[in-house]
Protein backbone atom coordinates (compact mmCIF):
# COMPACT_ATOMS: atom_id res chain seq x y z
CA MET A 1 17.09 26.43 -17.48
CA GLU A 2 16.25 23.90 -14.99
CA LYS A 3 17.36 21.23 -17.51
CA LYS A 4 20.96 23.35 -17.82
CA LYS A 5 21.12 22.86 -14.21
CA CYS A 6 20.08 19.06 -13.85
CA GLN A 7 22.50 18.72 -16.55
CA SER A 8 25.02 20.52 -14.80
CA VAL A 9 24.31 18.26 -11.50
CA CYS A 10 24.04 15.12 -13.37
CA THR A 11 27.73 16.08 -14.71
CA GLY A 12 28.67 16.37 -11.43
CA LEU A 13 27.29 13.20 -10.27
CA TRP A 14 29.27 11.22 -13.22
CA VAL A 15 32.33 13.02 -12.79
CA GLY A 16 32.46 12.27 -8.12
CA GLY A 17 31.13 8.85 -9.05
CA VAL A 18 34.51 8.39 -11.30
CA VAL A 19 36.57 9.91 -9.16
CA ALA A 20 35.37 8.13 -6.14
CA LEU A 21 35.50 4.63 -7.96
CA SER A 22 39.25 5.86 -9.07
CA VAL A 23 40.25 6.46 -5.96
CA VAL A 24 38.52 2.94 -4.34
CA LEU A 25 40.66 0.87 -6.81
CA LEU A 26 43.54 2.44 -6.25
CA LYS A 27 44.16 1.51 -2.65
CA LYS A 28 44.76 -1.99 -2.34
CA GLU A 29 42.49 -2.89 0.74
CA TRP A 30 39.85 -1.02 -0.31
CA ARG A 31 39.66 -2.50 -3.73
CA SER A 32 40.02 -5.64 -1.64
CA LYS A 33 37.04 -4.76 0.55
CA VAL A 34 35.08 -3.90 -2.61
CA PHE A 35 35.57 -7.29 -4.07
CA GLU A 36 34.30 -9.12 -1.04
CA GLU A 37 31.44 -7.43 -0.43
CA ALA A 38 30.37 -7.97 -4.44
CA GLU A 39 31.52 -11.76 -3.75
CA ASP A 40 29.03 -11.81 -0.17
CA ILE A 41 26.44 -10.29 -2.41
CA LYS A 42 26.80 -12.90 -5.01
CA GLN A 43 26.48 -15.66 -2.64
CA GLN A 44 23.73 -14.41 -0.70
CA SER A 45 21.82 -13.75 -4.06
CA SER A 46 22.30 -17.51 -5.27
CA GLU A 47 21.29 -18.67 -1.68
CA MET A 48 17.99 -16.61 -2.14
CA VAL A 49 17.51 -17.91 -5.79
CA SER A 50 17.94 -21.71 -4.39
CA PHE A 51 15.41 -21.10 -1.45
CA ILE A 52 13.13 -19.73 -4.15
CA ARG A 53 13.39 -22.87 -6.34
CA GLU A 54 13.34 -25.42 -3.31
CA ASN A 55 10.50 -23.85 -1.90
CA ARG A 56 8.48 -22.90 -5.17
CA GLN A 57 5.03 -24.38 -4.52
CA GLY A 58 5.26 -23.79 -0.74
CA ILE A 59 5.56 -19.81 -1.18
CA PHE A 60 3.03 -20.55 -4.20
CA ASN A 61 0.48 -22.13 -1.93
CA GLN A 62 0.88 -19.37 1.05
CA VAL A 63 0.30 -16.56 -1.70
CA LYS A 64 -2.26 -17.84 -3.04
CA THR A 65 -3.61 -18.62 0.37
CA THR A 66 -3.74 -15.68 1.52
CA ALA A 67 -4.84 -14.07 -1.52
CA ARG A 68 -8.19 -15.97 -1.02
CA GLU A 69 -8.28 -14.66 2.96
CA VAL A 70 -7.90 -11.46 1.65
CA SER A 71 -10.98 -11.77 -1.03
CA ASN A 72 -12.82 -13.49 1.69
CA VAL A 73 -12.43 -10.47 3.59
CA VAL A 74 -13.25 -8.31 0.97
CA GLN A 75 -16.73 -10.25 0.49
CA ASP A 76 -17.19 -10.06 4.41
CA ILE A 77 -16.47 -5.93 4.06
CA THR A 78 -18.68 -5.92 1.08
CA GLU A 79 -21.75 -7.62 2.94
CA ASP A 80 -21.34 -5.88 5.94
CA ILE A 81 -21.69 -1.96 4.02
CA LYS A 82 -24.33 -3.73 2.17
CA LYS A 83 -26.09 -4.09 5.18
CA LEU A 84 -25.32 -0.96 6.92
CA THR A 85 -26.63 1.04 3.83
CA SER A 86 -29.89 -0.64 4.16
CA THR A 87 -30.12 0.11 7.67
CA VAL A 88 -29.01 3.65 7.22
CA LYS A 89 -31.91 3.65 4.46
CA HIS A 90 -34.59 2.25 7.10
CA LEU A 91 -33.55 4.50 9.72
CA LYS A 92 -33.93 7.70 7.37
CA GLU A 93 -37.86 6.68 6.13
CA ARG A 94 -38.66 6.13 9.55
CA SER A 95 -37.16 9.07 10.49
CA GLU A 96 -38.69 10.79 7.79
CA GLU A 97 -42.04 9.24 8.75
CA ILE A 98 -41.08 10.46 12.47
CA VAL A 99 -41.09 13.74 11.59
CA LYS A 100 -44.39 13.72 9.40
CA ALA A 101 -46.47 12.19 12.28
CA THR A 102 -44.88 14.30 14.47
CA LYS A 103 -46.00 17.62 12.41
CA GLU A 104 -48.93 15.97 12.44
CA ALA A 105 -49.64 15.91 15.85
CA ALA A 106 -48.57 19.82 16.14
CA GLU A 107 -51.26 20.63 14.08
CA GLU A 108 -53.96 18.72 15.08
CA VAL A 109 -53.13 20.03 18.82
CA LYS A 110 -53.55 23.89 16.98
CA GLN A 111 -56.48 22.53 15.70
CA LEU A 112 -57.82 21.81 19.46
CA LYS A 113 -57.02 24.61 20.91
CA LYS A 114 -57.94 26.99 18.56
């Protein structure tokens, strides 16, 4: 059922696209505008390709530098996490010792009261 519905929608979109394209191509001013826009896109694409070709090394160096900086940040974060983990482990051990000492002290106080 869903597949049939999708096929109907797709067919409708294709038919609508063909009709719209036909209308655009039939009107001379619209057709001219489409061709002008296509020419602009072609020109911009050519300029972009030329820019990349002319600045390939600079772009490559920038990407390399950025990747190196990201790597350094990740290493720093990793070191910070290791330190934090160590500190948390130390705090846990000390907290357990404090709880144990407090319980022992409470027990001794009970013994002294008897």
